[in-house]
Protein backbone atom coordinates (compact mmCIF):
# COMPACT_ATOMS: atom_id res chain seq x y z
CA MET A 1 -3.53 0.62 -14.84
CA SER A 2 -2.13 -3.21 -13.79
CA GLU A 3 -3.79 -5.88 -11.54
CA VAL A 4 -1.15 -5.09 -9.04
CA GLN A 5 -1.99 -1.18 -9.34
CA ASP A 6 -6.15 -1.92 -9.23
CA LYS A 7 -5.66 -4.11 -6.12
CA VAL A 8 -3.03 -1.77 -3.86
CA ILE A 9 -5.52 0.85 -4.76
CA LYS A 10 -8.63 -1.29 -4.04
CA VAL A 11 -6.85 -2.51 -0.46
CA ILE A 12 -5.60 1.10 0.62
CA SER A 13 -9.13 2.81 -0.31
CA LEU A 14 -11.21 -0.05 1.87
CA LEU A 15 -8.92 0.63 4.79
CA LEU A 16 -9.25 4.72 4.13
CA GLU A 17 -13.17 3.56 4.41
CA ARG A 18 -13.35 1.74 7.19
CA ALA A 19 -11.02 5.03 8.85
CA ASP A 20 -13.86 7.12 8.01
CA LYS A 21 -11.48 9.04 5.49
CA THR A 22 -13.73 9.30 2.43
CA ASP A 23 -12.86 12.45 1.05
CA VAL A 24 -9.17 11.25 0.02
CA ASP A 25 -8.38 10.20 -3.79
CA VAL A 26 -5.82 7.20 -3.72
CA THR A 27 -3.51 7.82 -7.03
CA LEU A 28 0.09 6.91 -7.45
CA GLN A 29 1.25 9.82 -6.16
CA SER A 30 -0.19 10.04 -2.81
CA GLN A 31 1.98 10.16 0.05
CA LEU A 32 0.79 7.58 2.95
CA HIS A 33 0.89 9.92 5.88
CA GLY A 34 1.13 13.88 6.60
CA ASP A 35 -0.78 15.59 3.79
CA GLY A 36 -1.43 13.28 1.79
CA LEU A 37 -4.10 9.72 2.62
CA GLY A 38 -3.04 10.87 6.72
CA LEU A 39 -2.29 7.87 7.93
CA ASP A 40 -1.51 7.19 11.20
CA SER A 41 1.14 4.70 12.91
CA LEU A 42 -2.12 2.56 13.84
CA GLU A 43 -3.69 2.97 10.07
CA SER A 44 -0.24 2.26 8.93
CA ALA A 45 -0.25 -1.17 11.13
CA GLU A 46 -3.08 -2.08 9.77
CA LEU A 47 -2.13 -1.65 6.11
CA SER A 48 0.62 -3.56 6.14
CA ALA A 49 -1.42 -6.77 7.64
CA VAL A 50 -4.29 -5.64 5.28
CA LEU A 51 -1.55 -6.22 2.22
CA GLU A 52 0.32 -9.32 3.51
CA ASP A 53 -3.27 -11.16 3.50
CA GLU A 54 -3.84 -9.91 0.03
CA PHE A 55 -0.41 -10.34 -1.56
CA GLY A 56 1.22 -13.07 1.14
CA THR A 57 3.70 -10.84 1.71
CA ASP A 58 4.31 -6.44 2.63
CA PRO A 59 7.22 -3.86 2.01
CA PHE A 60 7.06 -2.63 5.56
CA SER A 61 7.78 -6.57 6.75
CA ALA A 62 10.25 -6.73 3.90
CA GLY A 63 12.20 -4.04 6.01
CA LEU A 64 10.72 -1.17 3.11
CA MET A 65 8.82 1.86 4.68
CA PRO A 66 7.46 2.93 1.71
CA GLU A 67 6.26 6.80 1.51
CA THR A 68 3.72 6.50 -1.79
CA VAL A 69 1.31 4.60 -3.24
CA ALA A 70 3.58 3.92 -6.48
CA GLU A 71 6.29 2.57 -3.89
CA ILE A 72 4.07 -0.07 -2.74
CA VAL A 73 2.69 -0.79 -5.57
CA ASP A 74 6.41 -1.22 -6.78
CA PHE A 75 7.19 -3.19 -4.79
CA TYR A 76 4.60 -6.08 -5.42
CA ALA A 77 5.51 -5.07 -9.26
CA GLY A 78 8.57 -6.32 -8.85
CA ALA A 79 7.50 -9.32 -6.76
CA ASP A 80 5.43 -9.72 -9.90
CA GLU A 81 8.16 -10.16 -12.46
CA SER A 82 10.60 -12.49 -10.34
CA GLY A 83 8.02 -14.40 -8.90
CA VAL A 84 9.46 -13.46 -5.38
CA ALA A 85 9.00 -9.72 -3.18
CA ALA A 86 11.33 -7.10 -3.81
CA ALA A 87 14.50 -6.79 -1.41
CA PRO A 88 15.38 -3.87 0.62
């Protein structure tokens, strides 16, 4: 696992723990909403805030609407390679 992937999964796992959703495994293929991680709109907003705190930006504020954990990781992986966050 890459450092970015580890950080993103840790951030999401901690968010789920605070939301008392400890029975969910976070993988790259996990859908953020619905039958995946089951995030509601408030939890999605909290995820956006926590990601911004951790990384300095987040895909939601950049105009993206990631559906999976992998899409979030890809956003930050692209930022690592270029030095700036991936554009929509």
